[in-house]
Protein backbone atom coordinates (compact mmCIF):
# COMPACT_ATOMS: atom_id res chain seq x y z
CA UNK A 1 -62.03 92.00 181.40
CA UNK A 2 -61.97 95.75 181.07
CA UNK A 3 -58.19 96.14 181.19
CA UNK A 4 -56.03 98.09 178.55
CA UNK A 5 -52.57 96.97 177.39
CA UNK A 6 -51.33 100.47 178.55
CA UNK A 7 -52.62 99.75 182.11
CA UNK A 8 -51.00 96.29 182.01
CA UNK A 9 -47.57 97.59 180.88
CA UNK A 10 -47.51 100.50 183.43
CA UNK A 11 -48.67 98.26 186.28
CA UNK A 12 -45.96 95.66 185.27
CA UNK A 13 -43.25 98.08 186.26
CA UNK A 14 -41.58 98.24 189.72
CA UNK A 15 -43.82 101.08 191.32
CA UNK A 16 -44.50 101.43 195.02
CA UNK A 17 -47.79 99.86 196.03
CA UNK A 18 -50.57 100.18 196.74
CA UNK A 19 -51.05 102.41 193.70
CA UNK A 20 -54.08 103.61 191.63
CA UNK A 21 -53.20 103.74 187.84
CA UNK A 22 -55.69 105.59 185.52
CA UNK A 23 -55.68 105.45 181.89
CA UNK A 24 -56.86 108.92 180.77
CA UNK A 25 -57.53 107.53 177.18
CA UNK A 26 -60.26 105.44 178.68
CA UNK A 27 -61.52 108.47 180.54
CA UNK A 28 -61.74 110.26 177.29
CA UNK A 29 -63.46 107.21 175.50
CA UNK A 30 -66.07 107.13 178.18
CA UNK A 31 -66.89 110.80 178.09
CA UNK A 32 -67.04 110.77 174.36
CA UNK A 33 -69.30 107.72 174.44
CA UNK A 34 -71.83 109.57 176.82
CA UNK A 35 -71.57 112.62 174.64
CA UNK A 36 -72.27 110.76 171.42
CA UNK A 37 -75.37 108.95 172.90
CA UNK A 38 -76.78 112.03 174.75
CA UNK A 39 -75.30 114.96 172.70
CA UNK A 40 -77.99 117.48 173.82
CA UNK A 41 -77.25 116.90 177.57
CA UNK A 42 -74.44 118.94 179.18
CA UNK A 43 -72.12 116.66 181.01
CA UNK A 44 -71.11 117.87 184.60
CA UNK A 45 -68.48 115.28 185.81
CA UNK A 46 -69.26 114.34 189.35
CA UNK A 47 -65.90 115.37 190.86
CA UNK A 48 -66.28 113.17 194.04
CA UNK A 49 -65.75 109.85 192.13
CA UNK A 50 -62.21 110.83 191.33
CA UNK A 51 -60.94 114.44 191.96
CA UNK A 52 -57.42 114.15 190.53
CA UNK A 53 -56.11 117.28 188.88
CA UNK A 54 -54.78 115.44 185.80
CA UNK A 55 -58.07 113.72 185.14
CA UNK A 56 -59.92 117.04 185.68
CA UNK A 57 -57.53 118.78 183.11
CA UNK A 58 -58.22 116.17 180.59
CA UNK A 59 -62.00 116.63 181.05
CA UNK A 60 -61.69 120.35 180.84
CA UNK A 61 -59.90 119.89 177.30
CA UNK A 62 -62.84 117.61 176.34
CA UNK A 63 -65.38 120.44 177.13
CA UNK A 64 -66.80 118.83 180.34
CA UNK A 65 -68.50 120.77 182.87
CA UNK A 66 -68.28 119.84 186.72
CA UNK A 67 -70.54 119.07 189.65
CA UNK A 68 -68.87 119.57 192.97
CA UNK A 69 -69.73 118.51 196.41
CA UNK A 70 -67.70 120.95 198.32
CA UNK A 71 -65.63 124.21 198.14
CA UNK A 72 -62.41 122.14 197.88
CA UNK A 73 -63.85 120.20 194.76
CA UNK A 74 -64.64 123.66 193.41
CA UNK A 75 -61.09 124.82 193.87
CA UNK A 76 -59.73 121.56 192.25
CA UNK A 77 -61.80 122.33 189.23
CA UNK A 78 -60.78 125.82 188.89
CA UNK A 79 -57.09 124.78 189.34
CA UNK A 80 -57.60 122.44 186.46
CA UNK A 81 -58.88 125.32 184.29
CA UNK A 82 -62.60 125.22 184.48
CA UNK A 83 -64.76 128.18 184.08
CA UNK A 84 -66.73 128.88 187.24
CA UNK A 85 -69.83 129.30 185.19
CA UNK A 86 -69.31 125.71 184.37
CA UNK A 87 -69.33 124.42 187.96
CA UNK A 88 -72.50 123.46 189.75
CA UNK A 89 -72.32 123.14 193.60
CA UNK A 90 -74.46 120.02 193.75
CA UNK A 91 -74.43 119.16 197.52
CA UNK A 92 -77.62 120.08 199.01
CA UNK A 93 -75.85 120.45 202.47
CA UNK A 94 -73.45 123.51 202.59
CA UNK A 95 -71.78 125.68 205.18
CA UNK A 96 -72.88 129.28 204.76
CA UNK A 97 -69.15 130.28 204.43
CA UNK A 98 -68.67 127.99 201.64
CA UNK A 99 -71.65 129.22 199.83
CA UNK A 100 -70.41 132.83 200.09
CA UNK A 101 -66.74 131.65 199.08
CA UNK A 102 -68.16 129.78 196.05
CA UNK A 103 -70.17 132.69 194.93
CA UNK A 104 -67.16 135.07 195.37
CA UNK A 105 -65.26 132.61 193.00
CA UNK A 106 -67.84 132.90 190.39
CA UNK A 107 -70.19 130.02 191.06
CA UNK A 108 -73.80 130.91 190.22
CA UNK A 109 -75.51 127.52 190.16
CA UNK A 110 -76.46 125.82 193.62
CA UNK A 111 -78.59 122.92 194.60
CA UNK A 112 -81.00 122.86 197.57
CA UNK A 113 -83.76 120.58 199.04
CA UNK A 114 -85.18 122.50 201.96
CA UNK A 115 -86.35 126.02 202.93
CA UNK A 116 -83.20 126.73 205.18
CA UNK A 117 -80.68 125.81 202.50
CA UNK A 118 -82.67 127.99 200.14
CA UNK A 119 -82.58 130.93 202.40
CA UNK A 120 -78.84 130.36 203.10
CA UNK A 121 -78.22 130.60 199.20
CA UNK A 122 -80.30 133.63 199.00
CA UNK A 123 -78.40 135.48 201.54
CA UNK A 124 -74.91 134.29 200.70
CA UNK A 125 -75.09 133.82 196.92
CA UNK A 126 -77.75 136.50 195.67
CA UNK A 127 -78.85 136.35 192.20
CA UNK A 128 -77.70 132.82 191.71
CA UNK A 129 -79.56 129.99 189.94
CA UNK A 130 -80.94 127.42 192.27
CA UNK A 131 -81.80 123.93 191.47
CA UNK A 132 -84.26 121.77 193.61
CA UNK A 133 -83.36 118.26 194.29
CA UNK A 134 -86.36 115.76 194.19
CA UNK A 135 -86.48 112.66 196.41
CA UNK A 136 -85.92 109.41 194.51
CA UNK A 137 -86.89 105.75 195.75
CA UNK A 138 -83.47 104.49 194.22
CA UNK A 139 -85.12 101.25 193.02
CA UNK A 140 -82.92 99.38 190.76
CA UNK A 141 -79.74 100.94 191.98
CA UNK A 142 -76.93 99.27 193.62
CA UNK A 143 -76.83 102.16 196.11
CA UNK A 144 -80.15 103.90 196.38
CA UNK A 145 -79.03 107.16 197.92
CA UNK A 146 -82.69 107.72 198.86
CA UNK A 147 -82.64 108.65 202.50
CA UNK A 148 -80.47 111.89 202.98
CA UNK A 149 -81.41 113.92 200.11
CA UNK A 150 -84.35 115.28 197.97
CA UNK A 151 -87.81 116.61 198.68
CA UNK A 152 -91.25 115.67 197.58
CA UNK A 153 -92.97 117.20 194.41
CA UNK A 154 -95.21 119.22 196.68
CA UNK A 155 -92.37 120.52 198.56
CA UNK A 156 -90.33 121.41 195.55
CA UNK A 157 -93.24 123.42 194.17
CA UNK A 158 -93.55 125.48 197.35
CA UNK A 159 -89.74 126.05 197.63
CA UNK A 160 -89.42 127.17 193.90
CA UNK A 161 -92.30 129.52 194.45
CA UNK A 162 -90.38 130.89 197.56
CA UNK A 163 -87.18 131.21 195.53
CA UNK A 164 -89.18 133.52 193.10
CA UNK A 165 -89.91 135.95 195.93
CA UNK A 166 -86.16 136.06 196.96
CA UNK A 167 -83.36 137.52 195.31
CA UNK A 168 -82.36 134.24 193.46
CA UNK A 169 -83.53 132.53 190.32
CA UNK A 170 -85.75 129.44 190.39
CA UNK A 171 -83.79 127.60 187.84
CA UNK A 172 -84.41 123.93 187.69
CA UNK A 173 -85.19 120.51 189.08
CA UNK A 174 -82.69 117.57 189.71
CA UNK A 175 -82.93 113.99 190.74
CA UNK A 176 -80.57 111.18 191.35
CA UNK A 177 -81.73 107.66 190.63
CA UNK A 178 -79.11 106.05 192.86
CA UNK A 179 -75.38 104.94 192.06
CA UNK A 180 -74.79 102.06 189.52
CA UNK A 181 -78.53 102.20 188.46
CA UNK A 182 -79.45 98.97 186.58
CA UNK A 183 -82.87 99.91 185.31
CA UNK A 184 -83.16 102.46 182.58
CA UNK A 185 -86.76 103.18 183.39
CA UNK A 186 -85.52 104.82 186.60
CA UNK A 187 -84.95 107.95 184.71
CA UNK A 188 -88.22 107.81 182.93
CA UNK A 189 -90.07 107.54 186.21
CA UNK A 190 -88.31 110.47 187.64
CA UNK A 191 -88.94 112.55 184.63
CA UNK A 192 -92.59 112.18 185.07
CA UNK A 193 -92.45 113.73 188.34
CA UNK A 194 -90.29 116.58 186.97
CA UNK A 195 -92.80 117.36 184.12
CA UNK A 196 -95.68 117.43 186.55
CA UNK A 197 -93.86 120.02 188.71
CA UNK A 198 -92.90 122.11 185.63
CA UNK A 199 -96.47 122.24 184.44
CA UNK A 200 -97.70 123.17 188.13
CA UNK A 201 -95.13 125.97 188.23
CA UNK A 202 -96.16 127.28 184.88
CA UNK A 203 -99.72 127.83 186.26
CA UNK A 204 -98.32 130.39 188.71
CA UNK A 205 -96.02 132.16 186.13
CA UNK A 206 -92.66 130.20 186.80
CA UNK A 207 -90.90 128.86 183.81
CA UNK A 208 -87.98 126.60 184.87
CA UNK A 209 -85.12 126.34 182.42
CA UNK A 210 -83.07 123.19 183.58
CA UNK A 211 -83.55 119.45 184.09
CA UNK A 212 -80.74 117.89 185.87
CA UNK A 213 -80.63 114.04 185.13
CA UNK A 214 -78.26 113.35 187.92
CA UNK A 215 -75.78 110.51 187.92
CA UNK A 216 -76.15 106.77 188.38
CA UNK A 217 -75.18 105.67 184.86
CA UNK A 218 -73.72 102.26 185.42
CA UNK A 219 -70.15 101.19 184.87
CA UNK A 220 -69.54 97.81 183.12
CA UNK A 221 -67.00 95.36 184.22
CA UNK A 222 -67.83 94.59 187.80
CA UNK A 223 -68.54 90.86 188.59
CA UNK A 224 -71.69 88.95 189.59
CA UNK A 225 -71.83 86.53 192.38
CA UNK A 226 -70.63 83.81 190.12
CA UNK A 227 -67.74 85.87 188.64
CA UNK A 228 -69.36 86.88 185.36
CA UNK A 229 -68.65 90.36 183.98
CA UNK A 230 -71.63 92.69 184.14
CA UNK A 231 -72.06 94.61 180.92
CA UNK A 232 -74.64 97.27 180.32
CA UNK A 233 -75.73 98.66 176.88
CA UNK A 234 -75.42 102.33 177.55
CA UNK A 235 -76.99 103.24 174.25
CA UNK A 236 -80.19 101.45 175.69
CA UNK A 237 -80.11 103.64 178.74
CA UNK A 238 -79.57 106.83 176.64
CA UNK A 239 -82.53 105.94 174.22
CA UNK A 240 -84.73 105.41 177.29
CA UNK A 241 -83.86 108.80 178.53
CA UNK A 242 -84.39 110.52 175.12
CA UNK A 243 -87.83 108.76 174.69
CA UNK A 244 -88.86 110.02 178.03
CA UNK A 245 -87.90 113.51 177.22
CA UNK A 246 -89.32 113.49 173.92
CA UNK A 247 -92.63 112.19 175.11
CA UNK A 248 -92.76 114.48 178.23
CA UNK A 249 -91.28 117.75 177.02
CA UNK A 250 -92.58 117.60 173.44
CA UNK A 251 -93.08 121.37 173.25
CA UNK A 252 -90.44 122.70 175.49
CA UNK A 253 -87.45 120.46 174.79
CA UNK A 254 -85.61 122.85 172.67
CA UNK A 255 -86.02 125.55 175.19
CA UNK A 256 -84.69 123.69 178.06
CA UNK A 257 -81.17 122.94 179.24
CA UNK A 258 -80.53 119.19 180.34
CA UNK A 259 -77.53 118.33 182.33
CA UNK A 260 -76.35 115.04 183.82
CA UNK A 261 -73.76 114.23 186.62
CA UNK A 262 -71.72 110.95 185.59
CA UNK A 263 -68.95 109.79 187.83
CA UNK A 264 -68.45 105.99 187.91
CA UNK A 265 -69.37 105.64 184.36
CA UNK A 266 -66.66 108.02 183.32
CA UNK A 267 -63.64 106.70 185.34
CA UNK A 268 -64.37 103.09 186.83
CA UNK A 269 -63.03 101.23 183.78
CA UNK A 270 -60.09 103.65 183.42
CA UNK A 271 -58.53 102.51 186.61
CA UNK A 272 -56.76 99.67 188.42
CA UNK A 273 -55.37 99.35 191.78
CA UNK A 274 -52.03 97.42 192.10
CA UNK A 275 -51.37 95.68 195.46
CA UNK A 276 -48.87 93.52 196.80
CA UNK A 277 -49.11 90.53 199.13
CA UNK A 278 -47.48 91.09 202.40
CA UNK A 279 -48.62 87.86 204.13
CA UNK A 280 -50.05 84.48 203.14
CA UNK A 281 -51.72 82.30 205.75
CA UNK A 282 -54.16 79.53 206.25
CA UNK A 283 -57.19 80.16 208.61
CA UNK A 284 -60.59 78.74 209.29
CA UNK A 285 -63.66 80.55 208.07
CA UNK A 286 -67.06 78.96 208.86
CA UNK A 287 -65.13 75.74 209.70
CA UNK A 288 -63.55 75.74 206.25
CA UNK A 289 -59.59 75.93 205.95
CA UNK A 290 -58.99 78.67 203.47
CA UNK A 291 -55.88 80.52 201.99
CA UNK A 292 -55.73 84.10 203.30
CA UNK A 293 -53.78 86.79 201.41
CA UNK A 294 -53.13 89.97 203.39
CA UNK A 295 -52.52 92.93 200.85
CA UNK A 296 -50.92 96.26 201.26
CA UNK A 297 -54.36 97.81 200.36
CA UNK A 298 -57.62 97.68 202.22
CA UNK A 299 -60.85 99.30 202.71
CA UNK A 300 -59.32 102.19 204.47
CA UNK A 301 -56.40 103.07 202.05
CA UNK A 302 -57.81 102.64 198.63
CA UNK A 303 -60.59 100.01 198.23
CA UNK A 304 -63.43 101.14 200.44
CA UNK A 305 -66.10 99.53 198.11
CA UNK A 306 -64.52 96.10 197.92
CA UNK A 307 -67.14 94.54 200.08
CA UNK A 308 -70.07 96.32 198.23
CA UNK A 309 -69.02 95.47 194.70
CA UNK A 310 -67.03 92.51 193.28
CA UNK A 311 -63.93 93.71 191.37
CA UNK A 312 -62.25 91.60 188.64
CA UNK A 313 -58.86 90.53 189.36
CA UNK A 314 -55.73 90.37 187.26
CA UNK A 315 -52.87 87.99 188.16
CA UNK A 316 -49.48 88.83 186.65
CA UNK A 317 -47.90 85.81 184.68
CA UNK A 318 -50.05 83.10 186.51
CA UNK A 319 -48.89 79.84 184.93
CA UNK A 320 -50.71 77.75 187.75
CA UNK A 321 -53.90 76.12 186.77
CA UNK A 322 -54.85 75.08 190.31
CA UNK A 323 -57.27 77.63 191.79
CA UNK A 324 -57.89 77.65 195.55
CA UNK A 325 -60.47 79.39 197.73
CA UNK A 326 -58.80 82.53 198.89
CA UNK A 327 -59.81 85.35 201.23
CA UNK A 328 -58.20 88.90 200.55
CA UNK A 329 -57.93 91.34 203.40
CA UNK A 330 -56.23 94.76 204.04
CA UNK A 331 -53.33 95.49 206.20
CA UNK A 332 -54.82 97.32 209.06
CA UNK A 333 -55.74 96.30 212.63
CA UNK A 334 -59.37 96.34 212.06
CA UNK A 335 -61.26 93.21 211.46
CA UNK A 336 -63.69 94.76 208.92
CA UNK A 337 -60.89 95.55 206.71
CA UNK A 338 -61.79 92.98 204.15
CA UNK A 339 -61.62 92.86 200.31
CA UNK A 340 -64.04 90.03 199.81
CA UNK A 341 -67.51 90.93 198.44
CA UNK A 342 -70.42 89.78 200.73
CA UNK A 343 -68.05 86.98 201.95
CA UNK A 344 -67.90 85.57 198.37
CA UNK A 345 -64.65 83.67 198.17
CA UNK A 346 -62.10 84.29 195.57
CA UNK A 347 -60.54 81.41 193.55
CA UNK A 348 -57.07 82.42 192.82
CA UNK A 349 -53.67 80.71 191.86
CA UNK A 350 -52.29 78.55 194.48
CA UNK A 351 -48.90 79.90 193.65
CA UNK A 352 -49.63 83.57 194.81
CA UNK A 353 -47.46 84.41 197.74
CA UNK A 354 -45.82 87.21 199.68
CA UNK A 355 -44.10 89.82 197.56
CA UNK A 356 -46.24 89.12 194.41
CA UNK A 357 -48.79 91.59 192.97
CA UNK A 358 -52.39 91.57 191.70
CA UNK A 359 -54.56 94.12 190.22
CA UNK A 360 -58.00 95.10 191.33
CA UNK A 361 -59.49 96.08 187.95
CA UNK A 362 -62.52 98.67 187.12
CA UNK A 363 -61.26 100.59 190.33
CA UNK A 364 -60.92 104.10 188.83
CA UNK A 365 -63.93 105.53 190.86
CA UNK A 366 -64.02 106.15 194.45
CA UNK A 367 -60.61 104.44 195.20
CA UNK A 368 -58.68 107.72 195.98
CA UNK A 369 -61.61 109.84 197.09
CA UNK A 370 -62.76 107.51 199.88
CA UNK A 371 -59.29 107.17 201.31
CA UNK A 372 -58.81 107.45 205.03
CA UNK A 373 -55.88 109.66 205.95
CA UNK A 374 -53.52 108.01 208.33
CA UNK A 375 -55.78 105.33 209.85
CA UNK A 376 -53.49 102.98 211.64
CA UNK A 377 -50.63 105.13 210.35
CA UNK A 378 -51.09 103.69 206.79
CA UNK A 379 -50.55 106.19 203.90
CA UNK A 380 -53.13 106.46 201.10
CA UNK A 381 -52.37 104.75 197.86
CA UNK A 382 -49.98 106.58 195.45
CA UNK A 383 -51.77 107.65 192.19
CA UNK A 384 -50.46 107.62 188.59
CA UNK A 385 -52.39 109.03 185.61
CA UNK A 386 -51.05 107.92 182.17
């Protein structure tokens, strides 16, 4: 299980629950691991995965750059000490006033994937660098992210040619292979499209300067359906990416800037959510009598992804060898507020009861950023960065 002594020691204290606890040393370890494997690639941390100021400050000290999805995320980065030149406004859907404000704050890098967005940037952020996002099929990813974003190679060519005629700089191409991507070759396939568009644009006198490899780098530590820890060899992913770049961009690699947008890879293992049992009951599910534990955290106030991925659980000082089928749920009056992945039943200590706590591990990503504010009157989980 990916759980540091530092996290266990802090979580063992009497702190109000539910609580997200993040070990910043693990954040640093993951950042350096990525930097070591892909040293020529600029890391733009995906702020949406965890926007906490303490975390952003640590990443600023490490030299990270940032990918922001909104004007508020840009402000978080600036407050943490980031240089505006090191912030990429990566959302392809932006209000015109947010484009203008970002530009006024010194942001010069903007993503787009359609003509209207490009024209908005040209009007409200003149002389900026624009990066066109390509559509990706998301095959091999836990979340494909393939419907809402991106344009075809043919469309990207036309859009970047149009950008050349406006008062903005056609700067690069980006793609996103999907969140928690399990197939290293997903990047190779996407890079083939990028190379083809680069070549076509060169024929009309446009030399792009940037390849954005996006995010999707998988975090280890989540569980399989049969409760085995899933571990990924990140060096193998990095080698696949490097080999593809070497093969496709042989003559231009040294001239190009490469960037990536990791989020979950950086912060997932660094965080745990401590939650307390507020009710124990016995209920039927599919004609089977099961133990139900109702927690003070649920989908809406800290563990939105609990029904999509299977978190490893840590029980404090469990001496009971008897494990019983257990359903975990959140505290709200919403029947979808469940903490059980795909109806897979947990097998937990039979001694767990009201007032006791457990940890959801590998929960550093998207626990705080997905939180609903005040749904059913429940407050968001508290946060500690250690």
